[in-house]
Amino acid sequence: MKQNKTDTVEIKQMAFFPATITVNKGDTIVFINHDLVDHDVTEENKKLWTSSPLHPGQAWSKVFTEPANYFCSLHVVMKGKIVVQ
């Protein structure tokens, strides 16, 4: 049986690092805000999910079963992509 794993996306310098991340179906991604201001993580196309605002130092995690494009609704130039295989 395959183990699901946890990956990390860091939020820093007004960007998501890495900007594109590839995970296996059922893996968890933890988004950690290492920036100086609040950010969130929102699904871009249909707003199917969103985190609450993440204050500096806070984290939010989600299990992914579908690919998604996402952005920070507080700073719309910040975008990221999740590839699920």
C-alpha atoms as a PDB file:
ATOM      1  CA  MET A   1       0.000   0.000   0.000  1.00  0.00           C
ATOM      2  CA  LYS A   2       1.361   3.384  -1.019  1.00  0.00           C
ATOM      3  CA  GLN A   3       1.990   5.938   1.704  1.00  0.00           C
ATOM      4  CA  ASN A   4       0.599   9.398   1.140  1.00  0.00           C
ATOM      5  CA  LYS A   5       3.157  12.075   1.735  1.00  0.00           C
ATOM      6  CA  THR A   6       3.236  15.689   2.799  1.00  0.00           C
ATOM      7  CA  ASP A   7       4.786  18.450   0.704  1.00  0.00           C
ATOM      8  CA  THR A   8       5.391  22.061   1.625  1.00  0.00           C
ATOM      9  CA  VAL A   9       4.761  25.277  -0.289  1.00  0.00           C
ATOM     10  CA  GLU A  10       6.379  28.318   1.272  1.00  0.00           C
ATOM     11  CA  ILE A  11       4.867  31.773   0.940  1.00  0.00           C
ATOM     12  CA  LYS A  12       7.634  34.365   0.909  1.00  0.00           C
ATOM     13  CA  GLN A  13       8.610  37.514  -0.947  1.00  0.00           C
ATOM     14  CA  MET A  14       5.014  37.814  -2.256  1.00  0.00           C
ATOM     15  CA  ALA A  15       5.193  34.451  -4.075  1.00  0.00           C
ATOM     16  CA  PHE A  16       4.552  30.729  -3.663  1.00  0.00           C
ATOM     17  CA  PHE A  17       7.670  28.503  -3.633  1.00  0.00           C
ATOM     18  CA  PRO A  18       7.628  26.286  -5.582  1.00  0.00           C
ATOM     19  CA  ALA A  19       5.185  27.979  -7.971  1.00  0.00           C
ATOM     20  CA  THR A  20       4.295  24.579  -9.472  1.00  0.00           C
ATOM     21  CA  ILE A  21       4.245  21.448  -7.346  1.00  0.00           C
ATOM     22  CA  THR A  22       3.539  17.871  -8.438  1.00  0.00           C
ATOM     23  CA  VAL A  23       1.999  15.490  -5.905  1.00  0.00           C
ATOM     24  CA  ASN A  24       0.350  12.086  -5.945  1.00  0.00           C
ATOM     25  CA  LYS A  25      -3.409  11.790  -5.456  1.00  0.00           C
ATOM     26  CA  GLY A  26      -4.150  11.909  -1.731  1.00  0.00           C
ATOM     27  CA  ASP A  27      -0.971  13.759  -0.755  1.00  0.00           C
ATOM     28  CA  THR A  28      -1.143  16.723   1.615  1.00  0.00           C
ATOM     29  CA  ILE A  29       0.317  20.138   0.885  1.00  0.00           C
ATOM     30  CA  VAL A  30       1.161  22.414   3.807  1.00  0.00           C
ATOM     31  CA  PHE A  31       1.268  26.115   2.911  1.00  0.00           C
ATOM     32  CA  ILE A  32       3.443  28.100   5.334  1.00  0.00           C
ATOM     33  CA  ASN A  33       3.436  31.886   5.408  1.00  0.00           C
ATOM     34  CA  HIS A  34       7.040  33.073   5.818  1.00  0.00           C
ATOM     35  CA  ASP A  35       6.189  36.545   4.547  1.00  0.00           C
ATOM     36  CA  LEU A  36       5.727  39.776   6.503  1.00  0.00           C
ATOM     37  CA  VAL A  37       2.033  40.198   5.618  1.00  0.00           C
ATOM     38  CA  ASP A  38      -1.130  38.058   5.584  1.00  0.00           C
ATOM     39  CA  HIS A  39      -1.836  35.784   2.614  1.00  0.00           C
ATOM     40  CA  ASP A  40      -4.389  33.127   1.729  1.00  0.00           C
ATOM     41  CA  VAL A  41      -4.582  30.179  -0.650  1.00  0.00           C
ATOM     42  CA  THR A  42      -7.669  30.153  -2.910  1.00  0.00           C
ATOM     43  CA  GLU A  43      -8.601  27.863  -5.791  1.00  0.00           C
ATOM     44  CA  GLU A  44      -8.570  30.108  -8.852  1.00  0.00           C
ATOM     45  CA  ASN A  45     -11.160  28.853 -11.339  1.00  0.00           C
ATOM     46  CA  LYS A  46     -14.314  28.235  -9.280  1.00  0.00           C
ATOM     47  CA  LYS A  47     -13.194  29.257  -5.773  1.00  0.00           C
ATOM     48  CA  LEU A  48     -13.867  25.648  -4.676  1.00  0.00           C
ATOM     49  CA  TRP A  49     -11.698  26.042  -1.560  1.00  0.00           C
ATOM     50  CA  THR A  50      -9.828  28.708   0.319  1.00  0.00           C
ATOM     51  CA  SER A  51      -7.769  29.009   3.457  1.00  0.00           C
ATOM     52  CA  SER A  52      -8.496  31.636   6.030  1.00  0.00           C
ATOM     53  CA  PRO A  53      -6.009  34.527   6.014  1.00  0.00           C
ATOM     54  CA  LEU A  54      -2.641  33.187   7.135  1.00  0.00           C
ATOM     55  CA  HIS A  55      -0.770  35.552   9.394  1.00  0.00           C
ATOM     56  CA  PRO A  56       3.041  35.503   9.269  1.00  0.00           C
ATOM     57  CA  GLY A  57       4.223  32.181  10.680  1.00  0.00           C
ATOM     58  CA  GLN A  58       0.895  30.403  10.241  1.00  0.00           C
ATOM     59  CA  ALA A  59       0.290  27.304   8.121  1.00  0.00           C
ATOM     60  CA  TRP A  60      -2.677  25.681   6.366  1.00  0.00           C
ATOM     61  CA  SER A  61      -2.859  22.208   4.872  1.00  0.00           C
ATOM     62  CA  LYS A  62      -5.105  20.401   2.408  1.00  0.00           C
ATOM     63  CA  VAL A  63      -5.244  16.906   0.899  1.00  0.00           C
ATOM     64  CA  PHE A  64      -5.272  17.090  -2.899  1.00  0.00           C
ATOM     65  CA  THR A  65      -7.026  14.626  -5.197  1.00  0.00           C
ATOM     66  CA  GLU A  66      -7.531  16.986  -8.154  1.00  0.00           C
ATOM     67  CA  PRO A  67      -5.142  19.362  -9.930  1.00  0.00           C
ATOM     68  CA  ALA A  68      -5.684  23.052  -9.239  1.00  0.00           C
ATOM     69  CA  ASN A  69      -4.536  26.532 -10.052  1.00  0.00           C
ATOM     70  CA  TYR A  70      -4.565  28.771  -7.014  1.00  0.00           C
ATOM     71  CA  PHE A  71      -3.782  32.335  -5.980  1.00  0.00           C
ATOM     72  CA  CYS A  72      -3.738  34.675  -3.014  1.00  0.00           C
ATOM     73  CA  SER A  73      -7.042  36.573  -3.052  1.00  0.00           C
ATOM     74  CA  LEU A  74      -5.377  39.328  -1.004  1.00  0.00           C
ATOM     75  CA  HIS A  75      -2.577  39.760  -3.582  1.00  0.00           C
ATOM     76  CA  VAL A  76      -3.953  38.480  -6.894  1.00  0.00           C
ATOM     77  CA  VAL A  77      -0.584  38.574  -8.675  1.00  0.00           C
ATOM     78  CA  MET A  78       0.523  35.627  -6.505  1.00  0.00           C
ATOM     79  CA  LYS A  79      -0.297  32.407  -8.345  1.00  0.00           C
ATOM     80  CA  GLY A  80       0.544  28.744  -8.058  1.00  0.00           C
ATOM     81  CA  LYS A  81      -0.254  25.412  -9.665  1.00  0.00           C
ATOM     82  CA  ILE A  82      -0.788  21.936  -8.235  1.00  0.00           C
ATOM     83  CA  VAL A  83      -0.317  18.955 -10.553  1.00  0.00           C
ATOM     84  CA  VAL A  84      -1.845  15.694  -9.273  1.00  0.00           C
ATOM     85  CA  GLN A  85      -0.677  12.423 -10.817  1.00  0.00           C
END
